[in-house]
Amino acid sequence: MTVGDPFSPAALGGEALTEGIKFLYQQAGEVLRRWRERRDRGTAPAGQANLRAPEGLLAGTVAPVEPRDDQAEHLERELRETRRLLADYAEGIEVPVPGDRLVAERADALRRLLEAAYGQRITFRGEQRPPSGPLLIAEIDVKQVAGDAAAVRVRQMNGGEIRASAKAERVGEDGRLSAVEIDRLG
């Protein structure tokens, strides 16, 4: 696999590819069920859609977090459509063939949607991308800062990745602009 390839069937091989697709398909279903229950009832059972991968499937470690309902609502249509495209592979009706670019693109699209919903990078063993784990992407773009502005403020961070940017047309004399502020690492 080369860097930049989507979900790489060649890197994963047949069985790992099948397990990866099943995992993504099941997680997307749990995210959608949780979102629907929250929408219909006003509350969702805690832990119902926690990100959980079978032992040995992922490179790195994902935190056992629940999906963000605001992201699930925003991505609901795409999650449904992309999940549906992988149904036959996830249910064992079709077997994904290593090297099938279309299946790889669909699996990668579903993975990226789940990464947005969970705020976690999901990387399968054998892939050439950063390992699984917490991922936070934030941006602040303002005209003027008179006080204190930051794209991300974290009290304690034990692991994961933050990508942040901060832009302002003008920062006042007493102003302060930060992309990331972390009180304590580790």
N, C-alpha and C. Protein backbone atom coordinates (compact mmCIF):
# COMPACT_ATOMS: atom_id res chain seq x y z
N MET A 1 0.84 -1.18 0.00
CA MET A 1 0.00 0.00 0.00
C MET A 1 0.88 1.24 0.00
N THR A 2 0.47 2.24 -0.71
CA THR A 2 1.19 3.49 -0.69
C THR A 2 0.45 4.49 0.18
N VAL A 3 1.19 5.44 0.72
CA VAL A 3 0.56 6.46 1.54
C VAL A 3 -0.43 7.21 0.66
N GLY A 4 -1.61 7.48 1.20
CA GLY A 4 -2.63 8.16 0.43
C GLY A 4 -3.67 7.22 -0.15
N ASP A 5 -3.39 5.91 -0.17
CA ASP A 5 -4.40 4.96 -0.61
C ASP A 5 -5.53 4.95 0.39
N PRO A 6 -6.76 4.77 -0.09
CA PRO A 6 -7.84 4.60 0.88
C PRO A 6 -7.72 3.23 1.52
N PHE A 7 -8.59 2.92 2.40
CA PHE A 7 -8.72 1.62 3.05
C PHE A 7 -8.16 0.57 2.11
N SER A 8 -6.99 0.04 2.38
CA SER A 8 -6.26 -0.75 1.41
C SER A 8 -6.50 -2.24 1.51
N PRO A 9 -7.29 -2.79 0.58
CA PRO A 9 -7.49 -4.23 0.58
C PRO A 9 -6.19 -5.00 0.41
N ALA A 10 -5.27 -4.47 -0.37
CA ALA A 10 -4.00 -5.17 -0.58
C ALA A 10 -3.22 -5.28 0.73
N ALA A 11 -3.27 -4.24 1.54
CA ALA A 11 -2.54 -4.27 2.80
C ALA A 11 -3.23 -5.17 3.81
N LEU A 12 -4.56 -5.25 3.77
CA LEU A 12 -5.29 -6.01 4.77
C LEU A 12 -5.44 -7.48 4.44
N GLY A 13 -5.57 -7.83 3.20
CA GLY A 13 -5.84 -9.21 2.85
C GLY A 13 -7.31 -9.53 3.03
N GLY A 14 -7.75 -10.64 2.47
CA GLY A 14 -9.16 -11.00 2.43
C GLY A 14 -9.90 -11.05 3.75
N GLU A 15 -9.41 -11.84 4.71
CA GLU A 15 -10.12 -12.02 5.97
C GLU A 15 -10.14 -10.73 6.80
N ALA A 16 -8.99 -10.05 6.87
CA ALA A 16 -8.93 -8.80 7.62
C ALA A 16 -9.81 -7.74 6.96
N LEU A 17 -9.86 -7.73 5.65
CA LEU A 17 -10.72 -6.79 4.93
C LEU A 17 -12.18 -7.04 5.26
N THR A 18 -12.58 -8.30 5.24
CA THR A 18 -13.97 -8.67 5.57
C THR A 18 -14.29 -8.25 7.00
N GLU A 19 -13.40 -8.52 7.95
CA GLU A 19 -13.63 -8.15 9.34
C GLU A 19 -13.67 -6.63 9.51
N GLY A 20 -12.82 -5.93 8.78
CA GLY A 20 -12.83 -4.47 8.85
C GLY A 20 -14.14 -3.88 8.35
N ILE A 21 -14.65 -4.41 7.26
CA ILE A 21 -15.92 -3.93 6.71
C ILE A 21 -17.06 -4.26 7.67
N LYS A 22 -17.05 -5.46 8.24
CA LYS A 22 -18.09 -5.82 9.21
C LYS A 22 -18.08 -4.87 10.40
N PHE A 23 -16.89 -4.58 10.90
CA PHE A 23 -16.76 -3.67 12.04
C PHE A 23 -17.32 -2.29 11.70
N LEU A 24 -16.92 -1.73 10.57
CA LEU A 24 -17.41 -0.40 10.18
C LEU A 24 -18.92 -0.39 9.99
N TYR A 25 -19.44 -1.42 9.37
CA TYR A 25 -20.87 -1.55 9.11
C TYR A 25 -21.66 -1.60 10.42
N GLN A 26 -21.18 -2.43 11.36
CA GLN A 26 -21.85 -2.56 12.66
C GLN A 26 -21.78 -1.26 13.45
N GLN A 27 -20.63 -0.60 13.45
CA GLN A 27 -20.50 0.65 14.19
C GLN A 27 -21.41 1.72 13.60
N ALA A 28 -21.49 1.78 12.28
CA ALA A 28 -22.38 2.77 11.64
C ALA A 28 -23.82 2.50 12.03
N GLY A 29 -24.21 1.23 12.08
CA GLY A 29 -25.57 0.88 12.50
C GLY A 29 -25.84 1.31 13.93
N GLU A 30 -24.88 1.12 14.81
CA GLU A 30 -25.05 1.52 16.21
C GLU A 30 -25.15 3.04 16.34
N VAL A 31 -24.35 3.77 15.58
CA VAL A 31 -24.40 5.23 15.62
C VAL A 31 -25.78 5.71 15.15
N LEU A 32 -26.29 5.12 14.07
CA LEU A 32 -27.60 5.52 13.54
C LEU A 32 -28.73 5.16 14.50
N ARG A 33 -28.67 3.98 15.12
CA ARG A 33 -29.70 3.59 16.09
C ARG A 33 -29.70 4.54 17.29
N ARG A 34 -28.53 4.83 17.78
CA ARG A 34 -28.42 5.74 18.93
C ARG A 34 -28.99 7.12 18.57
N TRP A 35 -28.61 7.63 17.42
CA TRP A 35 -29.10 8.94 17.00
C TRP A 35 -30.64 8.95 16.87
N ARG A 36 -31.20 7.88 16.27
CA ARG A 36 -32.65 7.80 16.11
C ARG A 36 -33.35 7.75 17.47
N GLU A 37 -32.82 6.94 18.39
CA GLU A 37 -33.42 6.85 19.73
C GLU A 37 -33.37 8.19 20.46
N ARG A 38 -32.26 8.89 20.34
CA ARG A 38 -32.15 10.19 20.98
C ARG A 38 -33.15 11.16 20.34
N ARG A 39 -33.28 11.11 19.04
CA ARG A 39 -34.23 11.98 18.34
C ARG A 39 -35.67 11.66 18.74
N ASP A 40 -36.01 10.37 18.77
CA ASP A 40 -37.39 9.96 19.05
C ASP A 40 -37.77 10.05 20.52
N ARG A 41 -36.83 9.71 21.41
CA ARG A 41 -37.13 9.67 22.84
C ARG A 41 -36.54 10.82 23.64
N GLY A 42 -35.62 11.52 23.03
CA GLY A 42 -34.96 12.60 23.75
C GLY A 42 -33.76 12.14 24.55
N THR A 43 -33.53 10.84 24.61
CA THR A 43 -32.37 10.31 25.32
C THR A 43 -31.97 8.97 24.70
N ALA A 44 -30.70 8.68 24.78
CA ALA A 44 -30.20 7.40 24.26
C ALA A 44 -29.51 6.65 25.39
N PRO A 45 -29.62 5.33 25.39
CA PRO A 45 -28.94 4.55 26.43
C PRO A 45 -27.43 4.78 26.39
N ALA A 46 -26.82 5.03 27.53
CA ALA A 46 -25.37 5.24 27.60
C ALA A 46 -24.64 3.97 27.20
N GLY A 47 -23.56 4.15 26.47
CA GLY A 47 -22.71 3.01 26.10
C GLY A 47 -23.22 2.19 24.94
N GLN A 48 -24.41 2.47 24.45
CA GLN A 48 -24.98 1.64 23.39
C GLN A 48 -24.10 1.62 22.13
N ALA A 49 -23.55 2.77 21.76
CA ALA A 49 -22.80 2.85 20.52
C ALA A 49 -21.32 3.10 20.75
N ASN A 50 -20.80 2.70 21.90
CA ASN A 50 -19.37 2.89 22.16
C ASN A 50 -18.55 2.26 21.06
N LEU A 51 -17.48 2.94 20.69
CA LEU A 51 -16.57 2.44 19.68
C LEU A 51 -15.80 1.27 20.27
N ARG A 52 -16.05 0.07 19.73
CA ARG A 52 -15.39 -1.15 20.20
C ARG A 52 -14.96 -1.97 19.00
N ALA A 53 -13.68 -2.29 18.96
CA ALA A 53 -13.16 -3.09 17.85
C ALA A 53 -12.74 -4.47 18.36
N PRO A 54 -12.92 -5.49 17.53
CA PRO A 54 -12.42 -6.82 17.91
C PRO A 54 -10.91 -6.78 18.15
N GLU A 55 -10.47 -7.56 19.09
CA GLU A 55 -9.05 -7.64 19.45
C GLU A 55 -8.20 -7.88 18.21
N GLY A 56 -7.14 -7.07 18.07
CA GLY A 56 -6.18 -7.26 16.99
C GLY A 56 -6.57 -6.67 15.65
N LEU A 57 -7.74 -6.06 15.53
CA LEU A 57 -8.18 -5.51 14.25
C LEU A 57 -7.54 -4.16 13.96
N LEU A 58 -7.38 -3.34 15.00
CA LEU A 58 -6.89 -1.98 14.80
C LEU A 58 -5.43 -1.82 15.18
N ALA A 59 -4.77 -0.88 14.50
CA ALA A 59 -3.44 -0.44 14.90
C ALA A 59 -3.66 0.74 15.84
N GLY A 60 -3.09 0.70 17.02
CA GLY A 60 -3.33 1.75 18.00
C GLY A 60 -4.53 1.41 18.85
N THR A 61 -4.97 2.36 19.63
CA THR A 61 -6.06 2.13 20.57
C THR A 61 -7.09 3.23 20.47
N VAL A 62 -8.35 2.85 20.31
CA VAL A 62 -9.43 3.83 20.34
C VAL A 62 -9.96 3.93 21.76
N ALA A 63 -10.37 5.12 22.13
CA ALA A 63 -10.97 5.31 23.45
C ALA A 63 -12.41 4.82 23.39
N PRO A 64 -12.93 4.27 24.49
CA PRO A 64 -14.31 3.79 24.50
C PRO A 64 -15.29 4.96 24.65
N VAL A 65 -15.44 5.72 23.57
CA VAL A 65 -16.30 6.91 23.60
C VAL A 65 -17.59 6.67 22.85
N GLU A 66 -18.59 7.46 23.21
CA GLU A 66 -19.87 7.44 22.48
C GLU A 66 -19.76 8.42 21.33
N PRO A 67 -20.52 8.18 20.27
CA PRO A 67 -20.49 9.12 19.14
C PRO A 67 -21.15 10.44 19.52
N ARG A 68 -20.75 11.48 18.86
CA ARG A 68 -21.37 12.79 19.07
C ARG A 68 -22.68 12.83 18.29
N ASP A 69 -23.77 13.05 18.99
CA ASP A 69 -25.08 13.07 18.35
C ASP A 69 -25.22 14.19 17.32
N ASP A 70 -24.57 15.34 17.58
CA ASP A 70 -24.65 16.42 16.61
C ASP A 70 -23.98 16.02 15.30
N GLN A 71 -22.88 15.29 15.39
CA GLN A 71 -22.21 14.80 14.18
C GLN A 71 -23.05 13.73 13.50
N ALA A 72 -23.62 12.82 14.28
CA ALA A 72 -24.46 11.76 13.71
C ALA A 72 -25.64 12.37 12.97
N GLU A 73 -26.25 13.38 13.55
CA GLU A 73 -27.38 14.04 12.88
C GLU A 73 -26.93 14.68 11.57
N HIS A 74 -25.80 15.36 11.61
CA HIS A 74 -25.27 16.03 10.42
C HIS A 74 -24.89 15.02 9.32
N LEU A 75 -24.38 13.86 9.72
CA LEU A 75 -23.88 12.86 8.77
C LEU A 75 -24.86 11.73 8.50
N GLU A 76 -26.04 11.79 9.09
CA GLU A 76 -26.99 10.67 9.05
C GLU A 76 -27.25 10.15 7.63
N ARG A 77 -27.56 11.01 6.70
CA ARG A 77 -27.87 10.57 5.33
C ARG A 77 -26.66 9.86 4.69
N GLU A 78 -25.49 10.46 4.82
CA GLU A 78 -24.28 9.85 4.24
C GLU A 78 -23.95 8.53 4.92
N LEU A 79 -24.10 8.47 6.25
CA LEU A 79 -23.85 7.22 6.97
C LEU A 79 -24.76 6.11 6.45
N ARG A 80 -26.05 6.41 6.32
CA ARG A 80 -27.01 5.40 5.82
C ARG A 80 -26.63 4.92 4.42
N GLU A 81 -26.38 5.87 3.53
CA GLU A 81 -26.09 5.51 2.14
C GLU A 81 -24.79 4.73 2.00
N THR A 82 -23.76 5.17 2.68
CA THR A 82 -22.47 4.50 2.58
C THR A 82 -22.52 3.13 3.22
N ARG A 83 -23.19 3.02 4.36
CA ARG A 83 -23.37 1.73 5.03
C ARG A 83 -24.10 0.75 4.12
N ARG A 84 -25.14 1.22 3.49
CA ARG A 84 -25.94 0.38 2.59
C ARG A 84 -25.09 -0.19 1.45
N LEU A 85 -24.13 0.60 0.95
CA LEU A 85 -23.27 0.14 -0.15
C LEU A 85 -22.37 -1.03 0.25
N LEU A 86 -22.15 -1.19 1.55
CA LEU A 86 -21.27 -2.27 2.04
C LEU A 86 -22.04 -3.42 2.67
N ALA A 87 -23.36 -3.37 2.63
CA ALA A 87 -24.19 -4.37 3.32
C ALA A 87 -23.89 -5.80 2.88
N ASP A 88 -23.81 -6.06 1.59
CA ASP A 88 -23.58 -7.43 1.12
C ASP A 88 -22.24 -7.98 1.61
N TYR A 89 -21.22 -7.12 1.73
CA TYR A 89 -19.91 -7.56 2.21
C TYR A 89 -19.95 -7.80 3.72
N ALA A 90 -20.63 -6.92 4.45
CA ALA A 90 -20.71 -7.04 5.90
C ALA A 90 -21.54 -8.26 6.32
N GLU A 91 -22.54 -8.60 5.52
CA GLU A 91 -23.42 -9.72 5.86
C GLU A 91 -22.98 -11.04 5.25
N GLY A 92 -21.82 -11.06 4.57
CA GLY A 92 -21.27 -12.29 4.03
C GLY A 92 -21.91 -12.77 2.74
N ILE A 93 -22.72 -11.94 2.11
CA ILE A 93 -23.33 -12.31 0.83
C ILE A 93 -22.30 -12.23 -0.28
N GLU A 94 -21.46 -11.21 -0.21
CA GLU A 94 -20.33 -11.04 -1.13
C GLU A 94 -19.04 -11.08 -0.33
N VAL A 95 -17.97 -11.49 -0.97
CA VAL A 95 -16.66 -11.51 -0.33
C VAL A 95 -15.81 -10.43 -1.00
N PRO A 96 -15.29 -9.48 -0.21
CA PRO A 96 -14.47 -8.44 -0.82
C PRO A 96 -13.17 -9.02 -1.36
N VAL A 97 -12.78 -8.55 -2.53
CA VAL A 97 -11.58 -9.04 -3.18
C VAL A 97 -10.47 -8.01 -2.97
N PRO A 98 -9.33 -8.43 -2.41
CA PRO A 98 -8.22 -7.49 -2.28
C PRO A 98 -7.90 -6.88 -3.65
N GLY A 99 -7.75 -5.56 -3.66
CA GLY A 99 -7.47 -4.86 -4.91
C GLY A 99 -8.70 -4.23 -5.55
N ASP A 100 -9.89 -4.51 -5.03
CA ASP A 100 -11.12 -3.92 -5.56
C ASP A 100 -11.20 -2.47 -5.09
N ARG A 101 -10.90 -1.55 -5.98
CA ARG A 101 -10.82 -0.12 -5.65
C ARG A 101 -12.16 0.44 -5.16
N LEU A 102 -13.25 0.02 -5.76
CA LEU A 102 -14.57 0.53 -5.39
C LEU A 102 -14.92 0.16 -3.95
N VAL A 103 -14.68 -1.09 -3.58
CA VAL A 103 -14.95 -1.53 -2.20
C VAL A 103 -14.05 -0.75 -1.24
N ALA A 104 -12.78 -0.57 -1.62
CA ALA A 104 -11.85 0.17 -0.76
C ALA A 104 -12.33 1.60 -0.55
N GLU A 105 -12.78 2.24 -1.60
CA GLU A 105 -13.26 3.63 -1.49
C GLU A 105 -14.51 3.72 -0.62
N ARG A 106 -15.40 2.77 -0.76
CA ARG A 106 -16.62 2.78 0.05
C ARG A 106 -16.31 2.54 1.53
N ALA A 107 -15.42 1.58 1.79
CA ALA A 107 -15.04 1.29 3.18
C ALA A 107 -14.33 2.50 3.80
N ASP A 108 -13.47 3.14 3.02
CA ASP A 108 -12.76 4.31 3.53
C ASP A 108 -13.73 5.46 3.79
N ALA A 109 -14.72 5.63 2.94
CA ALA A 109 -15.73 6.68 3.15
C ALA A 109 -16.50 6.43 4.45
N LEU A 110 -16.89 5.19 4.70
CA LEU A 110 -17.61 4.86 5.93
C LEU A 110 -16.71 5.07 7.14
N ARG A 111 -15.45 4.68 7.02
CA ARG A 111 -14.50 4.89 8.11
C ARG A 111 -14.39 6.37 8.44
N ARG A 112 -14.26 7.22 7.44
CA ARG A 112 -14.09 8.66 7.67
C ARG A 112 -15.33 9.28 8.32
N LEU A 113 -16.51 8.80 7.93
CA LEU A 113 -17.74 9.27 8.56
C LEU A 113 -17.75 8.88 10.05
N LEU A 114 -17.35 7.65 10.34
CA LEU A 114 -17.30 7.20 11.74
C LEU A 114 -16.23 7.94 12.52
N GLU A 115 -15.10 8.23 11.90
CA GLU A 115 -14.06 9.01 12.57
C GLU A 115 -14.61 10.38 12.99
N ALA A 116 -15.41 10.98 12.12
CA ALA A 116 -16.02 12.28 12.46
C ALA A 116 -17.02 12.13 13.60
N ALA A 117 -17.81 11.08 13.57
CA ALA A 117 -18.83 10.88 14.61
C ALA A 117 -18.20 10.58 15.97
N TYR A 118 -17.11 9.83 15.99
CA TYR A 118 -16.48 9.43 17.24
C TYR A 118 -15.33 10.33 17.69
N GLY A 119 -14.79 11.14 16.76
CA GLY A 119 -13.63 11.93 17.12
C GLY A 119 -12.42 11.06 17.38
N GLN A 120 -12.35 9.94 16.67
CA GLN A 120 -11.27 8.97 16.81
C GLN A 120 -10.77 8.58 15.42
N ARG A 121 -9.48 8.45 15.28
CA ARG A 121 -8.94 7.90 14.03
C ARG A 121 -9.10 6.38 14.13
N ILE A 122 -9.52 5.76 13.04
CA ILE A 122 -9.70 4.30 12.99
C ILE A 122 -8.75 3.77 11.93
N THR A 123 -7.69 3.11 12.36
CA THR A 123 -6.68 2.57 11.45
C THR A 123 -6.58 1.07 11.68
N PHE A 124 -6.67 0.31 10.60
CA PHE A 124 -6.58 -1.14 10.68
C PHE A 124 -5.12 -1.58 10.62
N ARG A 125 -4.82 -2.69 11.28
CA ARG A 125 -3.46 -3.24 11.24
C ARG A 125 -3.06 -3.46 9.79
N GLY A 126 -1.84 -3.06 9.46
CA GLY A 126 -1.32 -3.24 8.11
C GLY A 126 -1.48 -2.01 7.24
N GLU A 127 -2.23 -1.02 7.70
CA GLU A 127 -2.39 0.20 6.91
C GLU A 127 -1.25 1.17 7.21
N GLN A 128 -0.90 1.97 6.22
CA GLN A 128 0.15 2.96 6.36
C GLN A 128 -0.48 4.33 6.61
N ARG A 129 -1.00 4.51 7.80
CA ARG A 129 -1.55 5.80 8.22
C ARG A 129 -1.37 5.88 9.73
N PRO A 130 -1.50 7.06 10.31
CA PRO A 130 -1.32 7.17 11.76
C PRO A 130 -2.23 6.20 12.50
N PRO A 131 -1.78 5.70 13.67
CA PRO A 131 -2.56 4.70 14.40
C PRO A 131 -3.90 5.24 14.92
N SER A 132 -4.77 4.33 15.26
CA SER A 132 -6.07 4.67 15.84
C SER A 132 -5.87 5.45 17.12
N GLY A 133 -6.82 6.29 17.42
CA GLY A 133 -6.78 7.02 18.68
C GLY A 133 -7.57 8.31 18.58
N PRO A 134 -7.66 9.02 19.70
CA PRO A 134 -8.42 10.27 19.72
C PRO A 134 -7.88 11.27 18.72
N LEU A 135 -8.78 11.98 18.08
CA LEU A 135 -8.42 12.96 17.07
C LEU A 135 -9.33 14.16 17.24
N LEU A 136 -8.73 15.31 17.36
CA LEU A 136 -9.50 16.54 17.49
C LEU A 136 -9.01 17.51 16.43
N ILE A 137 -9.94 18.00 15.63
CA ILE A 137 -9.62 18.99 14.60
C ILE A 137 -10.43 20.23 14.92
N ALA A 138 -9.76 21.36 15.08
CA ALA A 138 -10.46 22.59 15.44
C ALA A 138 -9.84 23.77 14.71
N GLU A 139 -10.67 24.77 14.48
CA GLU A 139 -10.21 25.96 13.80
C GLU A 139 -10.97 27.16 14.36
N ILE A 140 -10.26 28.25 14.55
CA ILE A 140 -10.89 29.51 14.94
C ILE A 140 -10.41 30.56 13.96
N ASP A 141 -11.35 31.32 13.44
CA ASP A 141 -11.04 32.37 12.47
C ASP A 141 -11.94 33.55 12.82
N VAL A 142 -11.35 34.58 13.42
CA VAL A 142 -12.12 35.72 13.89
C VAL A 142 -11.54 37.01 13.33
N LYS A 143 -12.34 38.04 13.38
CA LYS A 143 -11.87 39.35 12.93
C LYS A 143 -10.96 39.99 13.97
N GLN A 144 -11.41 40.00 15.24
CA GLN A 144 -10.66 40.69 16.26
C GLN A 144 -10.71 39.93 17.58
N VAL A 145 -9.58 39.92 18.27
CA VAL A 145 -9.50 39.31 19.60
C VAL A 145 -9.18 40.42 20.58
N ALA A 146 -10.11 40.65 21.52
CA ALA A 146 -9.88 41.66 22.55
C ALA A 146 -9.47 40.99 23.86
N GLY A 147 -9.93 39.76 24.07
CA GLY A 147 -9.62 39.03 25.30
C GLY A 147 -8.74 37.84 25.01
N ASP A 148 -9.24 36.66 25.33
CA ASP A 148 -8.48 35.41 25.20
C ASP A 148 -9.28 34.45 24.32
N ALA A 149 -8.72 34.02 23.21
CA ALA A 149 -9.41 33.11 22.30
C ALA A 149 -8.49 31.94 21.97
N ALA A 150 -9.08 30.75 21.91
CA ALA A 150 -8.32 29.55 21.56
C ALA A 150 -9.20 28.61 20.76
N ALA A 151 -8.62 27.92 19.81
CA ALA A 151 -9.36 26.91 19.04
C ALA A 151 -9.63 25.69 19.92
N VAL A 152 -8.65 25.33 20.77
CA VAL A 152 -8.78 24.16 21.64
C VAL A 152 -8.16 24.48 23.00
N ARG A 153 -8.91 24.12 24.05
CA ARG A 153 -8.37 24.18 25.42
C ARG A 153 -8.60 22.81 26.05
N VAL A 154 -7.54 22.21 26.54
CA VAL A 154 -7.62 20.88 27.12
C VAL A 154 -7.00 20.94 28.52
N ARG A 155 -7.73 20.39 29.49
CA ARG A 155 -7.18 20.35 30.85
C ARG A 155 -6.10 19.28 30.97
N GLN A 156 -6.42 18.05 30.50
CA GLN A 156 -5.44 16.97 30.55
C GLN A 156 -5.58 16.14 29.30
N MET A 157 -4.44 15.78 28.73
CA MET A 157 -4.42 14.96 27.52
C MET A 157 -3.46 13.81 27.74
N ASN A 158 -3.97 12.57 27.58
CA ASN A 158 -3.15 11.38 27.79
C ASN A 158 -2.66 10.77 26.50
N GLY A 159 -3.26 11.13 25.39
CA GLY A 159 -2.85 10.59 24.10
C GLY A 159 -3.77 11.10 23.02
N GLY A 160 -3.45 10.79 21.78
CA GLY A 160 -4.26 11.22 20.66
C GLY A 160 -3.57 12.30 19.86
N GLU A 161 -4.34 12.92 19.02
CA GLU A 161 -3.79 13.92 18.10
C GLU A 161 -4.73 15.11 18.04
N ILE A 162 -4.15 16.30 18.06
CA ILE A 162 -4.91 17.53 17.89
C ILE A 162 -4.35 18.26 16.68
N ARG A 163 -5.24 18.67 15.80
CA ARG A 163 -4.87 19.54 14.68
C ARG A 163 -5.70 20.80 14.83
N ALA A 164 -5.04 21.91 15.03
CA ALA A 164 -5.78 23.14 15.26
C ALA A 164 -5.11 24.31 14.56
N SER A 165 -5.92 25.29 14.20
CA SER A 165 -5.40 26.52 13.64
C SER A 165 -6.16 27.69 14.22
N ALA A 166 -5.48 28.82 14.35
CA ALA A 166 -6.09 30.03 14.89
C ALA A 166 -5.69 31.20 14.01
N LYS A 167 -6.69 31.96 13.60
CA LYS A 167 -6.44 33.12 12.75
C LYS A 167 -7.28 34.28 13.25
N ALA A 168 -6.69 35.46 13.19
CA ALA A 168 -7.43 36.68 13.54
C ALA A 168 -6.88 37.81 12.68
N GLU A 169 -7.76 38.67 12.24
CA GLU A 169 -7.30 39.83 11.49
C GLU A 169 -6.51 40.77 12.39
N ARG A 170 -6.96 40.84 13.66
CA ARG A 170 -6.30 41.73 14.59
C ARG A 170 -6.41 41.19 16.01
N VAL A 171 -5.31 41.22 16.74
CA VAL A 171 -5.30 40.85 18.15
C VAL A 171 -5.01 42.13 18.93
N GLY A 172 -5.95 42.49 19.81
CA GLY A 172 -5.80 43.71 20.60
C GLY A 172 -4.61 43.68 21.52
N GLU A 173 -4.29 44.85 22.07
CA GLU A 173 -3.13 45.01 22.94
C GLU A 173 -3.15 44.03 24.12
N ASP A 174 -4.33 43.80 24.70
CA ASP A 174 -4.47 42.87 25.82
C ASP A 174 -5.00 41.51 25.36
N GLY A 175 -5.08 41.32 24.06
CA GLY A 175 -5.64 40.08 23.53
C GLY A 175 -4.62 38.97 23.45
N ARG A 176 -5.15 37.76 23.35
CA ARG A 176 -4.30 36.57 23.24
C ARG A 176 -5.02 35.56 22.35
N LEU A 177 -4.34 35.03 21.37
CA LEU A 177 -4.90 34.05 20.43
C LEU A 177 -4.02 32.81 20.44
N SER A 178 -4.65 31.63 20.64
CA SER A 178 -3.93 30.36 20.68
C SER A 178 -4.64 29.35 19.81
N ALA A 179 -3.88 28.51 19.15
CA ALA A 179 -4.48 27.38 18.44
C ALA A 179 -4.82 26.30 19.45
N VAL A 180 -3.85 25.94 20.32
CA VAL A 180 -4.05 24.87 21.31
C VAL A 180 -3.46 25.29 22.65
N GLU A 181 -4.21 25.03 23.69
CA GLU A 181 -3.73 25.21 25.07
C GLU A 181 -3.97 23.91 25.81
N ILE A 182 -2.90 23.32 26.34
CA ILE A 182 -3.01 22.08 27.10
C ILE A 182 -2.41 22.33 28.48
N ASP A 183 -3.20 22.09 29.53
CA ASP A 183 -2.71 22.30 30.89
C ASP A 183 -1.74 21.20 31.32
N ARG A 184 -2.07 19.96 30.97
CA ARG A 184 -1.24 18.84 31.46
C ARG A 184 -1.23 17.72 30.45
N LEU A 185 -0.04 17.23 30.11
CA LEU A 185 0.13 16.06 29.23
C LEU A 185 0.50 14.86 30.09
N GLY A 186 -0.08 13.70 29.68
CA GLY A 186 0.30 12.46 30.34
C GLY A 186 -0.39 12.11 31.55
